[in-house]
C-alpha atoms as a PDB file:
ATOM      1  CA  MET A   1      93.434 137.054  79.674  1.00  0.00           C
ATOM      2  CA  PRO A   2      97.184 137.610  79.071  1.00  0.00           C
ATOM      3  CA  PRO A   3      99.484 134.873  80.412  1.00  0.00           C
ATOM      4  CA  THR A   4     101.194 135.481  83.734  1.00  0.00           C
ATOM      5  CA  VAL A   5     104.949 135.336  83.272  1.00  0.00           C
ATOM      6  CA  SER A   6     106.692 132.407  84.936  1.00  0.00           C
ATOM      7  CA  VAL A   7     110.249 131.380  84.094  1.00  0.00           C
ATOM      8  CA  ALA A   8     112.398 128.604  85.518  1.00  0.00           C
ATOM      9  CA  VAL A   9     115.761 129.563  86.951  1.00  0.00           C
ATOM     10  CA  LYS A  10     118.755 127.532  88.066  1.00  0.00           C
ATOM     11  CA  GLU A  11     119.058 129.534  91.291  1.00  0.00           C
ATOM     12  CA  PRO A  12     117.149 132.343  93.023  1.00  0.00           C
ATOM     13  CA  ILE A  13     117.482 135.792  91.509  1.00  0.00           C
ATOM     14  CA  GLN A  14     117.047 139.072  93.345  1.00  0.00           C
ATOM     15  CA  THR A  15     114.663 141.595  91.848  1.00  0.00           C
ATOM     16  CA  SER A  16     113.746 143.841  94.766  1.00  0.00           C
ATOM     17  CA  THR A  17     115.433 147.226  95.102  1.00  0.00           C
ATOM     18  CA  SER A  18     116.098 146.361  98.724  1.00  0.00           C
ATOM     19  CA  THR A  19     118.469 143.568  97.690  1.00  0.00           C
ATOM     20  CA  VAL A  20     121.003 145.764  95.901  1.00  0.00           C
ATOM     21  CA  THR A  21     124.385 145.454  97.608  1.00  0.00           C
ATOM     22  CA  ALA A  22     126.648 146.805  94.872  1.00  0.00           C
ATOM     23  CA  PRO A  23     129.247 149.413  95.849  1.00  0.00           C
ATOM     24  CA  GLN A  24     128.017 152.982  95.491  1.00  0.00           C
ATOM     25  CA  ASN A  25     130.305 153.798  92.571  1.00  0.00           C
ATOM     26  CA  GLU A  26     129.865 150.516  90.751  1.00  0.00           C
ATOM     27  CA  SER A  27     127.799 151.557  87.756  1.00  0.00           C
ATOM     28  CA  LEU A  28     126.809 154.635  85.813  1.00  0.00           C
ATOM     29  CA  PHE A  29     123.526 152.926  85.043  1.00  0.00           C
ATOM     30  CA  GLU A  30     122.654 152.982  88.754  1.00  0.00           C
ATOM     31  CA  HIS A  31     123.603 156.611  89.418  1.00  0.00           C
ATOM     32  CA  VAL A  32     122.190 158.261  86.291  1.00  0.00           C
ATOM     33  CA  ALA A  33     119.536 155.758  85.255  1.00  0.00           C
ATOM     34  CA  TRP A  34     117.184 158.492  84.075  1.00  0.00           C
ATOM     35  CA  LEU A  35     119.715 159.766  81.534  1.00  0.00           C
ATOM     36  CA  TYR A  36     120.105 156.392  79.840  1.00  0.00           C
ATOM     37  CA  ALA A  37     116.316 155.980  79.868  1.00  0.00           C
ATOM     38  CA  PHE A  38     116.062 159.365  78.145  1.00  0.00           C
ATOM     39  CA  CYS A  39     118.588 158.282  75.493  1.00  0.00           C
ATOM     40  CA  ARG A  40     116.655 155.068  74.917  1.00  0.00           C
ATOM     41  CA  GLU A  41     113.403 156.988  74.501  1.00  0.00           C
ATOM     42  CA  ARG A  42     114.618 160.009  72.541  1.00  0.00           C
ATOM     43  CA  LEU A  43     117.925 159.296  70.812  1.00  0.00           C
ATOM     44  CA  PHE A  44     118.157 155.611  69.918  1.00  0.00           C
ATOM     45  CA  ARG A  45     116.430 154.112  66.924  1.00  0.00           C
ATOM     46  CA  ASP A  46     113.151 152.324  67.625  1.00  0.00           C
ATOM     47  CA  ASP A  47     113.583 148.872  66.079  1.00  0.00           C
ATOM     48  CA  THR A  48     110.274 147.446  67.267  1.00  0.00           C
ATOM     49  CA  GLU A  49     108.894 146.969  63.764  1.00  0.00           C
ATOM     50  CA  ARG A  50     112.193 145.510  62.523  1.00  0.00           C
ATOM     51  CA  ILE A  51     112.169 143.015  65.390  1.00  0.00           C
ATOM     52  CA  ILE A  52     108.607 141.955  64.658  1.00  0.00           C
ATOM     53  CA  THR A  53     109.182 141.698  60.903  1.00  0.00           C
ATOM     54  CA  ALA A  54     112.325 139.604  61.402  1.00  0.00           C
ATOM     55  CA  LEU A  55     110.944 137.266  64.071  1.00  0.00           C
ATOM     56  CA  TRP A  56     107.286 137.088  63.092  1.00  0.00           C
ATOM     57  CA  PRO A  57     107.015 137.874  59.354  1.00  0.00           C
ATOM     58  CA  ASN A  58     103.269 137.206  59.351  1.00  0.00           C
ATOM     59  CA  GLY A  59     102.782 139.767  62.125  1.00  0.00           C
ATOM     60  CA  SER A  60     101.577 137.344  64.792  1.00  0.00           C
ATOM     61  CA  ALA A  61     103.332 135.368  67.529  1.00  0.00           C
ATOM     62  CA  ALA A  62     102.284 131.882  68.627  1.00  0.00           C
ATOM     63  CA  SER A  63     100.450 131.793  71.937  1.00  0.00           C
ATOM     64  CA  GLY A  64     102.731 130.917  74.842  1.00  0.00           C
ATOM     65  CA  THR A  65     105.934 132.070  73.116  1.00  0.00           C
ATOM     66  CA  LEU A  66     108.636 132.769  75.707  1.00  0.00           C
ATOM     67  CA  VAL A  67     110.768 135.824  74.925  1.00  0.00           C
ATOM     68  CA  ILE A  68     113.826 137.097  76.772  1.00  0.00           C
ATOM     69  CA  GLU A  69     115.490 140.483  76.287  1.00  0.00           C
ATOM     70  CA  LEU A  70     119.128 140.747  77.370  1.00  0.00           C
ATOM     71  CA  GLY A  71     120.310 144.133  78.621  1.00  0.00           C
ATOM     72  CA  CYS A  72     116.732 145.387  78.622  1.00  0.00           C
ATOM     73  CA  GLY A  73     117.588 148.664  80.379  1.00  0.00           C
ATOM     74  CA  PRO A  74     114.367 150.630  81.029  1.00  0.00           C
ATOM     75  CA  GLY A  75     112.308 147.892  79.363  1.00  0.00           C
ATOM     76  CA  PHE A  76     111.553 149.668  76.102  1.00  0.00           C
ATOM     77  CA  TYR A  77     111.406 146.606  73.822  1.00  0.00           C
ATOM     78  CA  SER A  78     110.156 144.166  76.457  1.00  0.00           C
ATOM     79  CA  ALA A  79     107.115 146.361  77.060  1.00  0.00           C
ATOM     80  CA  GLN A  80     106.585 147.061  73.369  1.00  0.00           C
ATOM     81  CA  LEU A  81     106.473 143.361  72.492  1.00  0.00           C
ATOM     82  CA  ALA A  82     104.386 142.413  75.529  1.00  0.00           C
ATOM     83  CA  LYS A  83     101.860 145.086  74.607  1.00  0.00           C
ATOM     84  CA  ARG A  84     101.768 144.130  70.930  1.00  0.00           C
ATOM     85  CA  PHE A  85     101.412 140.391  71.639  1.00  0.00           C
ATOM     86  CA  PRO A  86      99.412 139.814  74.852  1.00  0.00           C
ATOM     87  CA  ASN A  87      99.517 136.040  74.222  1.00  0.00           C
ATOM     88  CA  ILE A  88     103.298 135.802  74.763  1.00  0.00           C
ATOM     89  CA  SER A  89     105.449 136.055  77.901  1.00  0.00           C
ATOM     90  CA  VAL A  90     108.406 138.450  77.992  1.00  0.00           C
ATOM     91  CA  THR A  91     111.264 138.475  80.500  1.00  0.00           C
ATOM     92  CA  GLY A  92     113.624 141.446  80.487  1.00  0.00           C
ATOM     93  CA  VAL A  93     116.965 141.091  82.262  1.00  0.00           C
ATOM     94  CA  ASP A  94     119.590 143.667  83.136  1.00  0.00           C
ATOM     95  CA  ARG A  95     122.387 144.152  85.666  1.00  0.00           C
ATOM     96  CA  SER A  96     121.177 147.577  86.804  1.00  0.00           C
ATOM     97  CA  GLU A  97     118.422 147.589  89.423  1.00  0.00           C
ATOM     98  CA  ASN A  98     117.633 151.245  88.764  1.00  0.00           C
ATOM     99  CA  GLN A  99     117.128 150.519  85.072  1.00  0.00           C
ATOM    100  CA  LEU A 100     114.813 147.684  86.059  1.00  0.00           C
ATOM    101  CA  THR A 101     112.851 150.048  88.294  1.00  0.00           C
ATOM    102  CA  TRP A 102     112.130 152.143  85.216  1.00  0.00           C
ATOM    103  CA  ALA A 103     111.185 148.980  83.315  1.00  0.00           C
ATOM    104  CA  ARG A 104     108.764 147.768  85.980  1.00  0.00           C
ATOM    105  CA  GLU A 105     107.139 151.185  86.228  1.00  0.00           C
ATOM    106  CA  ARG A 106     106.697 151.215  82.450  1.00  0.00           C
ATOM    107  CA  ALA A 107     105.081 147.770  82.450  1.00  0.00           C
ATOM    108  CA  SER A 108     102.830 148.714  85.373  1.00  0.00           C
ATOM    109  CA  ALA A 109     101.715 151.938  83.692  1.00  0.00           C
ATOM    110  CA  LEU A 110     100.760 149.948  80.608  1.00  0.00           C
ATOM    111  CA  GLY A 111      98.931 147.345  82.673  1.00  0.00           C
ATOM    112  CA  LEU A 112     101.076 144.513  81.339  1.00  0.00           C
ATOM    113  CA  ARG A 113     100.698 141.154  83.064  1.00  0.00           C
ATOM    114  CA  ASN A 114     102.771 139.176  80.544  1.00  0.00           C
ATOM    115  CA  CYS A 115     106.032 141.016  81.188  1.00  0.00           C
ATOM    116  CA  CYS A 116     108.502 140.667  84.094  1.00  0.00           C
ATOM    117  CA  PHE A 117     112.031 141.800  84.869  1.00  0.00           C
ATOM    118  CA  ALA A 118     114.989 140.313  86.742  1.00  0.00           C
ATOM    119  CA  ARG A 119     118.425 141.554  87.794  1.00  0.00           C
ATOM    120  CA  VAL A 120     120.977 139.111  86.364  1.00  0.00           C
ATOM    121  CA  ASN A 121     124.366 139.033  84.680  1.00  0.00           C
ATOM    122  CA  VAL A 122     123.924 138.233  80.987  1.00  0.00           C
ATOM    123  CA  LEU A 123     127.271 136.417  81.008  1.00  0.00           C
ATOM    124  CA  ASN A 124     125.869 133.891  83.467  1.00  0.00           C
ATOM    125  CA  LEU A 125     122.140 133.633  82.883  1.00  0.00           C
ATOM    126  CA  PRO A 126     120.322 131.824  85.717  1.00  0.00           C
ATOM    127  CA  PHE A 127     117.927 130.091  83.327  1.00  0.00           C
ATOM    128  CA  THR A 128     117.723 126.472  82.284  1.00  0.00           C
ATOM    129  CA  ASP A 129     119.012 125.242  78.929  1.00  0.00           C
ATOM    130  CA  ALA A 130     116.640 125.534  75.962  1.00  0.00           C
ATOM    131  CA  GLN A 131     114.094 127.628  77.889  1.00  0.00           C
ATOM    132  CA  PHE A 132     113.175 130.462  75.512  1.00  0.00           C
ATOM    133  CA  ASP A 133     111.694 130.588  72.019  1.00  0.00           C
ATOM    134  CA  VAL A 134     112.969 134.055  71.164  1.00  0.00           C
ATOM    135  CA  LEU A 135     115.819 136.271  72.382  1.00  0.00           C
ATOM    136  CA  ILE A 136     116.396 139.921  71.606  1.00  0.00           C
ATOM    137  CA  ALA A 137     119.221 142.286  72.512  1.00  0.00           C
ATOM    138  CA  SER A 138     119.898 145.878  71.497  1.00  0.00           C
ATOM    139  CA  ARG A 139     123.167 147.736  72.094  1.00  0.00           C
ATOM    140  CA  LEU A 140     124.303 144.908  74.379  1.00  0.00           C
ATOM    141  CA  PHE A 141     127.837 144.397  73.068  1.00  0.00           C
ATOM    142  CA  THR A 142     129.018 148.017  73.226  1.00  0.00           C
ATOM    143  CA  ILE A 143     130.228 147.756  76.846  1.00  0.00           C
ATOM    144  CA  LEU A 144     130.188 143.998  77.416  1.00  0.00           C
ATOM    145  CA  PRO A 145     133.585 142.565  78.466  1.00  0.00           C
ATOM    146  CA  ASP A 146     133.118 139.045  77.047  1.00  0.00           C
ATOM    147  CA  ARG A 147     131.023 139.049  73.909  1.00  0.00           C
ATOM    148  CA  ALA A 148     131.757 135.429  72.970  1.00  0.00           C
ATOM    149  CA  ARG A 149     130.484 134.303  76.383  1.00  0.00           C
ATOM    150  CA  ALA A 150     127.302 136.316  75.855  1.00  0.00           C
ATOM    151  CA  VAL A 151     126.677 134.643  72.493  1.00  0.00           C
ATOM    152  CA  ALA A 152     127.261 131.234  74.081  1.00  0.00           C
ATOM    153  CA  GLU A 153     124.647 132.049  76.740  1.00  0.00           C
ATOM    154  CA  MET A 154     122.233 133.204  74.035  1.00  0.00           C
ATOM    155  CA  TYR A 155     122.622 129.901  72.255  1.00  0.00           C
ATOM    156  CA  ARG A 156     122.282 127.885  75.457  1.00  0.00           C
ATOM    157  CA  VAL A 157     118.989 129.354  76.685  1.00  0.00           C
ATOM    158  CA  LEU A 158     117.263 129.157  73.295  1.00  0.00           C
ATOM    159  CA  LYS A 159     115.141 126.146  72.413  1.00  0.00           C
ATOM    160  CA  PRO A 160     115.948 124.123  69.274  1.00  0.00           C
ATOM    161  CA  GLY A 161     114.495 126.199  66.460  1.00  0.00           C
ATOM    162  CA  GLY A 162     114.645 129.296  68.648  1.00  0.00           C
ATOM    163  CA  ARG A 163     115.732 132.602  67.153  1.00  0.00           C
ATOM    164  CA  CYS A 164     117.578 135.665  68.361  1.00  0.00           C
ATOM    165  CA  PHE A 165     117.528 139.225  67.015  1.00  0.00           C
ATOM    166  CA  ILE A 166     120.547 141.415  67.778  1.00  0.00           C
ATOM    167  CA  ALA A 167     120.905 145.146  67.033  1.00  0.00           C
ATOM    168  CA  GLU A 168     124.227 146.963  67.434  1.00  0.00           C
ATOM    169  CA  PRO A 169     125.421 150.466  66.502  1.00  0.00           C
ATOM    170  CA  ARG A 170     128.073 150.635  63.783  1.00  0.00           C
ATOM    171  CA  TYR A 171     129.942 153.815  64.698  1.00  0.00           C
ATOM    172  CA  THR A 172     131.965 154.422  67.862  1.00  0.00           C
ATOM    173  CA  ILE A 173     131.093 158.109  68.211  1.00  0.00           C
ATOM    174  CA  TRP A 174     127.348 157.490  67.952  1.00  0.00           C
ATOM    175  CA  ALA A 175     127.481 154.455  70.254  1.00  0.00           C
ATOM    176  CA  SER A 176     129.476 156.418  72.856  1.00  0.00           C
ATOM    177  CA  ILE A 177     127.035 159.313  73.236  1.00  0.00           C
ATOM    178  CA  PRO A 178     125.127 157.848  76.220  1.00  0.00           C
ATOM    179  CA  LEU A 179     128.367 156.807  77.955  1.00  0.00           C
ATOM    180  CA  PHE A 180     129.907 160.240  77.464  1.00  0.00           C
ATOM    181  CA  ALA A 181     126.761 161.959  78.736  1.00  0.00           C
ATOM    182  CA  MET A 182     126.528 159.711  81.792  1.00  0.00           C
ATOM    183  CA  TRP A 183     130.203 160.156  82.655  1.00  0.00           C
ATOM    184  CA  LEU A 184     129.835 163.933  82.307  1.00  0.00           C
ATOM    185  CA  LEU A 185     126.794 164.053  84.563  1.00  0.00           C
ATOM    186  CA  ALA A 186     128.396 161.686  87.080  1.00  0.00           C
ATOM    187  CA  SER A 187     131.487 163.910  87.279  1.00  0.00           C
ATOM    188  CA  MET A 188     129.216 166.813  88.234  1.00  0.00           C
ATOM    189  CA  THR A 189     127.042 164.993  90.780  1.00  0.00           C
ATOM    190  CA  HIS A 190     129.400 162.306  92.152  1.00  0.00           C
ATOM    191  CA  SER A 191     133.121 161.713  92.367  1.00  0.00           C
ATOM    192  CA  GLY A 192     133.292 160.636  88.732  1.00  0.00           C
ATOM    193  CA  ASN A 193     135.621 157.765  89.633  1.00  0.00           C
ATOM    194  CA  GLY A 194     135.231 154.042  90.087  1.00  0.00           C
ATOM    195  CA  TYR A 195     132.492 153.222  87.594  1.00  0.00           C
ATOM    196  CA  ARG A 196     132.865 149.925  85.791  1.00  0.00           C
ATOM    197  CA  GLU A 197     131.679 151.157  82.391  1.00  0.00           C
ATOM    198  CA  PRO A 198     134.227 152.390  79.828  1.00  0.00           C
ATOM    199  CA  ARG A 199     134.201 155.976  78.623  1.00  0.00           C
ATOM    200  CA  LYS A 200     133.998 154.851  74.998  1.00  0.00           C
ATOM    201  CA  ALA A 201     131.834 152.159  73.424  1.00  0.00           C
ATOM    202  CA  THR A 202     133.203 149.265  71.383  1.00  0.00           C
ATOM    203  CA  VAL A 203     131.633 148.505  68.028  1.00  0.00           C
ATOM    204  CA  PHE A 204     132.078 145.708  65.507  1.00  0.00           C
ATOM    205  CA  SER A 205     133.167 145.931  61.922  1.00  0.00           C
ATOM    206  CA  ALA A 206     130.778 144.152  59.567  1.00  0.00           C
ATOM    207  CA  ILE A 207     133.113 141.143  59.433  1.00  0.00           C
ATOM    208  CA  GLY A 208     133.699 141.128  63.176  1.00  0.00           C
ATOM    209  CA  PHE A 209     129.976 141.270  63.844  1.00  0.00           C
ATOM    210  CA  GLU A 210     129.383 138.242  61.646  1.00  0.00           C
ATOM    211  CA  ARG A 211     132.293 136.314  63.159  1.00  0.00           C
ATOM    212  CA  ILE A 212     131.126 136.702  66.774  1.00  0.00           C
ATOM    213  CA  PHE A 213     128.164 134.442  66.036  1.00  0.00           C
ATOM    214  CA  SER A 214     130.277 131.768  64.331  1.00  0.00           C
ATOM    215  CA  SER A 215     131.453 130.591  67.768  1.00  0.00           C
ATOM    216  CA  GLN A 216     128.177 128.665  68.126  1.00  0.00           C
ATOM    217  CA  PRO A 217     126.664 126.034  65.773  1.00  0.00           C
ATOM    218  CA  TRP A 218     123.676 128.069  64.616  1.00  0.00           C
ATOM    219  CA  LYS A 219     121.511 126.578  61.909  1.00  0.00           C
ATOM    220  CA  ARG A 220     121.297 129.934  60.145  1.00  0.00           C
ATOM    221  CA  VAL A 221     122.858 133.370  60.677  1.00  0.00           C
ATOM    222  CA  LYS A 222     121.910 136.458  58.722  1.00  0.00           C
ATOM    223  CA  THR A 223     123.600 139.819  59.268  1.00  0.00           C
ATOM    224  CA  TRP A 224     122.864 143.127  57.575  1.00  0.00           C
ATOM    225  CA  GLN A 225     123.402 146.871  57.942  1.00  0.00           C
ATOM    226  CA  ASP A 226     120.907 149.717  57.904  1.00  0.00           C
ATOM    227  CA  GLY A 227     122.131 153.241  58.526  1.00  0.00           C
ATOM    228  CA  ARG A 228     123.874 153.589  61.893  1.00  0.00           C
ATOM    229  CA  TYR A 229     122.994 150.044  62.959  1.00  0.00           C
ATOM    230  CA  GLN A 230     123.811 146.472  62.069  1.00  0.00           C
ATOM    231  CA  TYR A 231     121.624 143.480  62.786  1.00  0.00           C
ATOM    232  CA  ALA A 232     121.826 139.723  63.194  1.00  0.00           C
ATOM    233  CA  LEU A 233     119.094 137.123  63.031  1.00  0.00           C
ATOM    234  CA  CYS A 234     120.215 133.694  64.254  1.00  0.00           C
ATOM    235  CA  GLU A 235     118.295 130.428  64.377  1.00  0.00           C
ATOM    236  CA  LYS A 236     119.299 127.508  66.597  1.00  0.00           C
ATOM    237  CA  ASP A 237     119.390 124.039  65.045  1.00  0.00           C
END
């Protein structure tokens, strides 16, 4: 029987749709959640096999491995990994409750019992130090205001010997497509004003991408490029 997900937190976190108290115009990801989910499903690269090859080269994960996905959105990778490895526990976190609704519906449709989701701010993760074995994040930095803080939180919540896999787009135009589409749709269906997300994504140069991880004392950091994306695999000492 797959493990039931249980993670320790420093303080209570709200995961019910009834707890959302954000202002109406706070986030594009709340108003046009379906559009970002569509982009994730149809436009973005599926890095599932790259993630597995990088983190588990032998193709199997140790039983009881705790995985966290930052900025999980509609839960694409969280569900993929939970389905592939029923002996691990996956926690997906995101700031958008509507994205998490999509994620929970995906996990429920797949009958996953080893996958859960929580609404949190990735810049202030409500998890204890050294809690997770593996961390993944895809397209997290493109709209994040404090990338160094995010990397520090990644390092903090990983166990000694823990690893993180990061995937980021390399080109501004490509990375900005979902933002542009969401802003366009929002301008047609809402006021189009007041959303916290930028209209254009921010991407790293190859050197900048490597440098962002140097702020923490990782044991090993490997970065590489492949087409429109660049990747990092970091291991905590």
